[in-house]
C-alpha atoms as a PDB file:
ATOM      1  CA  UNK A   1      50.156  84.399  29.650  1.00  0.00           C
ATOM      2  CA  UNK A   2      53.373  82.834  28.348  1.00  0.00           C
ATOM      3  CA  UNK A   3      52.676  84.348  24.930  1.00  0.00           C
ATOM      4  CA  UNK A   4      52.476  87.869  26.348  1.00  0.00           C
ATOM      5  CA  UNK A   5      55.581  87.276  28.447  1.00  0.00           C
ATOM      6  CA  UNK A   6      57.355  86.009  25.318  1.00  0.00           C
ATOM      7  CA  UNK A   7      56.489  89.169  23.397  1.00  0.00           C
ATOM      8  CA  UNK A   8      58.215  91.406  25.917  1.00  0.00           C
ATOM      9  CA  UNK A   9      61.298  89.263  26.494  1.00  0.00           C
ATOM     10  CA  UNK A  10      64.507  89.158  24.511  1.00  0.00           C
ATOM     11  CA  UNK A  11      66.127  86.028  23.083  1.00  0.00           C
ATOM     12  CA  UNK A  12      68.041  85.392  26.287  1.00  0.00           C
ATOM     13  CA  UNK A  13      64.879  85.586  28.429  1.00  0.00           C
ATOM     14  CA  UNK A  14      65.451  89.010  29.944  1.00  0.00           C
ATOM     15  CA  UNK A  15      62.825  91.751  29.572  1.00  0.00           C
ATOM     16  CA  UNK A  16      63.374  93.903  26.492  1.00  0.00           C
ATOM     17  CA  UNK A  17      63.109  97.618  27.220  1.00  0.00           C
ATOM     18  CA  UNK A  18      62.809  98.394  23.502  1.00  0.00           C
ATOM     19  CA  UNK A  19      59.708  96.237  23.189  1.00  0.00           C
ATOM     20  CA  UNK A  20      58.128  97.682  26.321  1.00  0.00           C
ATOM     21  CA  UNK A  21      58.735 101.254  25.110  1.00  0.00           C
ATOM     22  CA  UNK A  22      57.305 100.334  21.684  1.00  0.00           C
ATOM     23  CA  UNK A  23      54.190  98.978  23.386  1.00  0.00           C
ATOM     24  CA  UNK A  24      53.778 102.199  25.397  1.00  0.00           C
ATOM     25  CA  UNK A  25      54.189 104.355  22.269  1.00  0.00           C
ATOM     26  CA  UNK A  26      51.602 102.267  20.420  1.00  0.00           C
ATOM     27  CA  UNK A  27      49.163 102.611  23.326  1.00  0.00           C
ATOM     28  CA  UNK A  28      49.670 106.386  23.425  1.00  0.00           C
ATOM     29  CA  UNK A  29      49.204 106.671  19.657  1.00  0.00           C
ATOM     30  CA  UNK A  30      46.011 104.577  19.771  1.00  0.00           C
ATOM     31  CA  UNK A  31      44.728 106.731  22.635  1.00  0.00           C
ATOM     32  CA  UNK A  32      45.359 109.908  20.612  1.00  0.00           C
ATOM     33  CA  UNK A  33      43.566 108.424  17.604  1.00  0.00           C
ATOM     34  CA  UNK A  34      40.592 107.325  19.717  1.00  0.00           C
ATOM     35  CA  UNK A  35      40.288 110.763  21.321  1.00  0.00           C
ATOM     36  CA  UNK A  36      40.235 112.294  17.862  1.00  0.00           C
ATOM     37  CA  UNK A  37      37.752 109.729  16.549  1.00  0.00           C
ATOM     38  CA  UNK A  38      35.192 109.805  19.365  1.00  0.00           C
ATOM     39  CA  UNK A  39      35.362 113.414  20.543  1.00  0.00           C
ATOM     40  CA  UNK A  40      36.113 115.090  17.237  1.00  0.00           C
ATOM     41  CA  UNK A  41      38.774 117.153  18.946  1.00  0.00           C
ATOM     42  CA  UNK A  42      42.013 116.976  17.054  1.00  0.00           C
ATOM     43  CA  UNK A  43      44.979 117.143  19.334  1.00  0.00           C
ATOM     44  CA  UNK A  44      47.992 119.044  18.171  1.00  0.00           C
ATOM     45  CA  UNK A  45      49.027 117.660  14.778  1.00  0.00           C
ATOM     46  CA  UNK A  46      52.687 117.989  15.693  1.00  0.00           C
ATOM     47  CA  UNK A  47      52.079 115.728  18.712  1.00  0.00           C
ATOM     48  CA  UNK A  48      50.276 113.167  16.567  1.00  0.00           C
ATOM     49  CA  UNK A  49      53.029 113.168  13.950  1.00  0.00           C
ATOM     50  CA  UNK A  50      55.725 112.841  16.608  1.00  0.00           C
ATOM     51  CA  UNK A  51      54.035 109.829  18.167  1.00  0.00           C
ATOM     52  CA  UNK A  52      53.625 108.286  14.720  1.00  0.00           C
ATOM     53  CA  UNK A  53      57.334 108.640  13.985  1.00  0.00           C
ATOM     54  CA  UNK A  54      58.241 107.378  17.469  1.00  0.00           C
ATOM     55  CA  UNK A  55      56.214 104.232  16.766  1.00  0.00           C
ATOM     56  CA  UNK A  56      57.847 103.777  13.347  1.00  0.00           C
ATOM     57  CA  UNK A  57      61.374 104.283  14.708  1.00  0.00           C
ATOM     58  CA  UNK A  58      60.712 101.967  17.643  1.00  0.00           C
ATOM     59  CA  UNK A  59      59.410  99.293  15.270  1.00  0.00           C
ATOM     60  CA  UNK A  60      62.536  99.597  13.170  1.00  0.00           C
ATOM     61  CA  UNK A  61      64.711  99.261  16.283  1.00  0.00           C
ATOM     62  CA  UNK A  62      62.896  96.201  17.594  1.00  0.00           C
ATOM     63  CA  UNK A  63      62.672  94.321  14.312  1.00  0.00           C
ATOM     64  CA  UNK A  64      65.947  95.569  12.898  1.00  0.00           C
ATOM     65  CA  UNK A  65      68.200  94.693  15.804  1.00  0.00           C
ATOM     66  CA  UNK A  66      69.184  91.356  14.298  1.00  0.00           C
ATOM     67  CA  UNK A  67      69.519  92.509  10.696  1.00  0.00           C
ATOM     68  CA  UNK A  68      73.260  92.869  11.109  1.00  0.00           C
ATOM     69  CA  UNK A  69      73.503  89.103  11.505  1.00  0.00           C
ATOM     70  CA  UNK A  70      72.624  88.798   7.821  1.00  0.00           C
ATOM     71  CA  UNK A  71      75.808  90.611   6.838  1.00  0.00           C
ATOM     72  CA  UNK A  72      78.191  88.786   9.133  1.00  0.00           C
ATOM     73  CA  UNK A  73      80.556  86.445   7.401  1.00  0.00           C
ATOM     74  CA  UNK A  74      80.364  82.946   8.793  1.00  0.00           C
ATOM     75  CA  UNK A  75      83.726  81.380   9.531  1.00  0.00           C
ATOM     76  CA  UNK A  76      83.507  77.798   8.262  1.00  0.00           C
ATOM     77  CA  UNK A  77      87.233  77.091   8.227  1.00  0.00           C
ATOM     78  CA  UNK A  78      89.164  76.062  11.268  1.00  0.00           C
ATOM     79  CA  UNK A  79      92.344  77.806  12.243  1.00  0.00           C
ATOM     80  CA  UNK A  80      95.180  75.323  12.102  1.00  0.00           C
ATOM     81  CA  UNK A  81      98.298  76.027  14.129  1.00  0.00           C
END
């Protein structure tokens, strides 16, 4: 249970809305794929493509939120007055 709670929480321990929305998009995309697979009825291709891109963009937001830390310059010198 702690593992699942850890997936949906941010570094500071608060719930991450980006991760929850990503999870919902993934569930919706899997549901659309399963409907297509088991019933043979293809839902609107535009809808399928839009959910695919929503999942990709959400993944990039969740995993790319800390990429800016790589480009920050670390201040190793102390300011002397």
